[in-house]
């Protein structure tokens, strides 16, 4: 999961492929951070959430958990 972070710098345009096969295109709003948490059973884990502004409709936002991302591809800047 932490290996994803360098690819998710703020204002980077990316195509994400998620574990379930869905693809999202957009601009990384803010570089995500990995956080520690405990679930109801007291088990520790880590995850982070990415806010992605939609590529075609920037006012639409996608919130994606880092552990749902299968791959990242950088997109060329829009002109």
C-alpha atoms as a PDB file:
ATOM      1  CA  UNK A   1       0.000   0.000   0.000  1.00  0.00           C
ATOM      2  CA  UNK A   2       2.770   2.464   0.853  1.00  0.00           C
ATOM      3  CA  UNK A   3       4.317   1.727  -2.548  1.00  0.00           C
ATOM      4  CA  UNK A   4       1.296   3.456  -4.110  1.00  0.00           C
ATOM      5  CA  UNK A   5       1.911   6.770  -2.366  1.00  0.00           C
ATOM      6  CA  UNK A   6       4.717   8.103  -4.633  1.00  0.00           C
ATOM      7  CA  UNK A   7       2.390   7.648  -7.617  1.00  0.00           C
ATOM      8  CA  UNK A   8      -0.392   9.657  -5.979  1.00  0.00           C
ATOM      9  CA  UNK A   9       1.080  13.134  -5.650  1.00  0.00           C
ATOM     10  CA  UNK A  10      -1.391  16.016  -5.484  1.00  0.00           C
ATOM     11  CA  UNK A  11      -2.653  17.300  -8.851  1.00  0.00           C
ATOM     12  CA  UNK A  12      -1.446  14.161 -10.679  1.00  0.00           C
ATOM     13  CA  UNK A  13      -3.846  12.841 -13.313  1.00  0.00           C
ATOM     14  CA  UNK A  14      -4.230   9.078 -13.107  1.00  0.00           C
ATOM     15  CA  UNK A  15      -6.211   6.068 -14.195  1.00  0.00           C
ATOM     16  CA  UNK A  16      -6.903   3.686 -11.319  1.00  0.00           C
ATOM     17  CA  UNK A  17      -7.819   0.065 -11.783  1.00  0.00           C
ATOM     18  CA  UNK A  18      -9.571  -1.228  -8.683  1.00  0.00           C
ATOM     19  CA  UNK A  19      -9.492  -4.756  -7.269  1.00  0.00           C
ATOM     20  CA  UNK A  20     -13.075  -5.331  -8.499  1.00  0.00           C
ATOM     21  CA  UNK A  21     -12.114  -4.382 -12.082  1.00  0.00           C
ATOM     22  CA  UNK A  22     -13.614  -0.893 -12.136  1.00  0.00           C
ATOM     23  CA  UNK A  23     -11.534   1.918 -13.593  1.00  0.00           C
ATOM     24  CA  UNK A  24     -11.545   5.540 -12.479  1.00  0.00           C
ATOM     25  CA  UNK A  25      -9.886   8.478 -14.211  1.00  0.00           C
ATOM     26  CA  UNK A  26      -9.213  11.693 -12.374  1.00  0.00           C
ATOM     27  CA  UNK A  27      -6.929  14.133 -10.639  1.00  0.00           C
ATOM     28  CA  UNK A  28      -5.485  13.368  -7.214  1.00  0.00           C
ATOM     29  CA  UNK A  29      -6.828  16.169  -4.999  1.00  0.00           C
ATOM     30  CA  UNK A  30      -4.373  15.684  -2.114  1.00  0.00           C
ATOM     31  CA  UNK A  31      -1.688  13.048  -1.594  1.00  0.00           C
ATOM     32  CA  UNK A  32      -3.207  10.412   0.705  1.00  0.00           C
ATOM     33  CA  UNK A  33      -1.591   9.240   3.918  1.00  0.00           C
ATOM     34  CA  UNK A  34      -1.610   5.784   5.464  1.00  0.00           C
ATOM     35  CA  UNK A  35      -3.272   5.674   8.864  1.00  0.00           C
ATOM     36  CA  UNK A  36      -3.390   3.076  11.615  1.00  0.00           C
ATOM     37  CA  UNK A  37      -6.740   1.944  12.970  1.00  0.00           C
ATOM     38  CA  UNK A  38      -8.356  -0.681  15.157  1.00  0.00           C
ATOM     39  CA  UNK A  39     -11.520  -2.509  14.211  1.00  0.00           C
ATOM     40  CA  UNK A  40     -14.294  -3.479  16.627  1.00  0.00           C
ATOM     41  CA  UNK A  41     -12.449  -6.682  17.545  1.00  0.00           C
ATOM     42  CA  UNK A  42      -9.346  -4.687  18.489  1.00  0.00           C
ATOM     43  CA  UNK A  43      -7.282  -5.839  15.500  1.00  0.00           C
ATOM     44  CA  UNK A  44      -4.832  -3.272  14.135  1.00  0.00           C
ATOM     45  CA  UNK A  45      -4.575  -2.425  10.480  1.00  0.00           C
ATOM     46  CA  UNK A  46      -3.593   0.357   8.147  1.00  0.00           C
ATOM     47  CA  UNK A  47      -5.258   1.983   5.177  1.00  0.00           C
ATOM     48  CA  UNK A  48      -5.791   5.383   3.663  1.00  0.00           C
ATOM     49  CA  UNK A  49      -8.352   7.143   1.560  1.00  0.00           C
ATOM     50  CA  UNK A  50      -7.734   8.873  -1.751  1.00  0.00           C
ATOM     51  CA  UNK A  51      -9.882  11.739  -3.006  1.00  0.00           C
ATOM     52  CA  UNK A  52      -9.939  11.710  -6.789  1.00  0.00           C
ATOM     53  CA  UNK A  53     -11.619  14.520  -8.730  1.00  0.00           C
ATOM     54  CA  UNK A  54     -13.327  12.990 -11.772  1.00  0.00           C
ATOM     55  CA  UNK A  55     -11.417  13.492 -15.038  1.00  0.00           C
ATOM     56  CA  UNK A  56     -14.410  14.647 -17.092  1.00  0.00           C
ATOM     57  CA  UNK A  57     -16.512  16.215 -14.320  1.00  0.00           C
ATOM     58  CA  UNK A  58     -14.074  17.633 -11.710  1.00  0.00           C
ATOM     59  CA  UNK A  59     -16.862  18.637  -9.305  1.00  0.00           C
ATOM     60  CA  UNK A  60     -17.642  14.921  -8.908  1.00  0.00           C
ATOM     61  CA  UNK A  61     -15.353  13.302  -6.357  1.00  0.00           C
ATOM     62  CA  UNK A  62     -14.426   9.662  -5.874  1.00  0.00           C
ATOM     63  CA  UNK A  63     -13.252   8.453  -2.445  1.00  0.00           C
ATOM     64  CA  UNK A  64     -11.183   5.278  -2.774  1.00  0.00           C
ATOM     65  CA  UNK A  65      -9.558   3.174  -0.052  1.00  0.00           C
ATOM     66  CA  UNK A  66      -5.906   2.523  -0.901  1.00  0.00           C
ATOM     67  CA  UNK A  67      -6.278  -1.234  -0.408  1.00  0.00           C
ATOM     68  CA  UNK A  68      -8.884  -1.266  -3.217  1.00  0.00           C
ATOM     69  CA  UNK A  69      -6.349  -0.046  -5.822  1.00  0.00           C
ATOM     70  CA  UNK A  70      -4.880  -2.776  -8.051  1.00  0.00           C
ATOM     71  CA  UNK A  71      -2.854  -0.500 -10.347  1.00  0.00           C
ATOM     72  CA  UNK A  72      -2.162   3.135 -11.201  1.00  0.00           C
ATOM     73  CA  UNK A  73      -1.322   4.620 -14.580  1.00  0.00           C
ATOM     74  CA  UNK A  74      -0.314   8.267 -14.938  1.00  0.00           C
ATOM     75  CA  UNK A  75      -2.183  10.181 -17.608  1.00  0.00           C
ATOM     76  CA  UNK A  76      -0.655  12.894 -19.765  1.00  0.00           C
ATOM     77  CA  UNK A  77      -1.532  16.450 -18.680  1.00  0.00           C
ATOM     78  CA  UNK A  78      -4.663  17.895 -20.216  1.00  0.00           C
ATOM     79  CA  UNK A  79      -4.151  20.833 -22.554  1.00  0.00           C
END
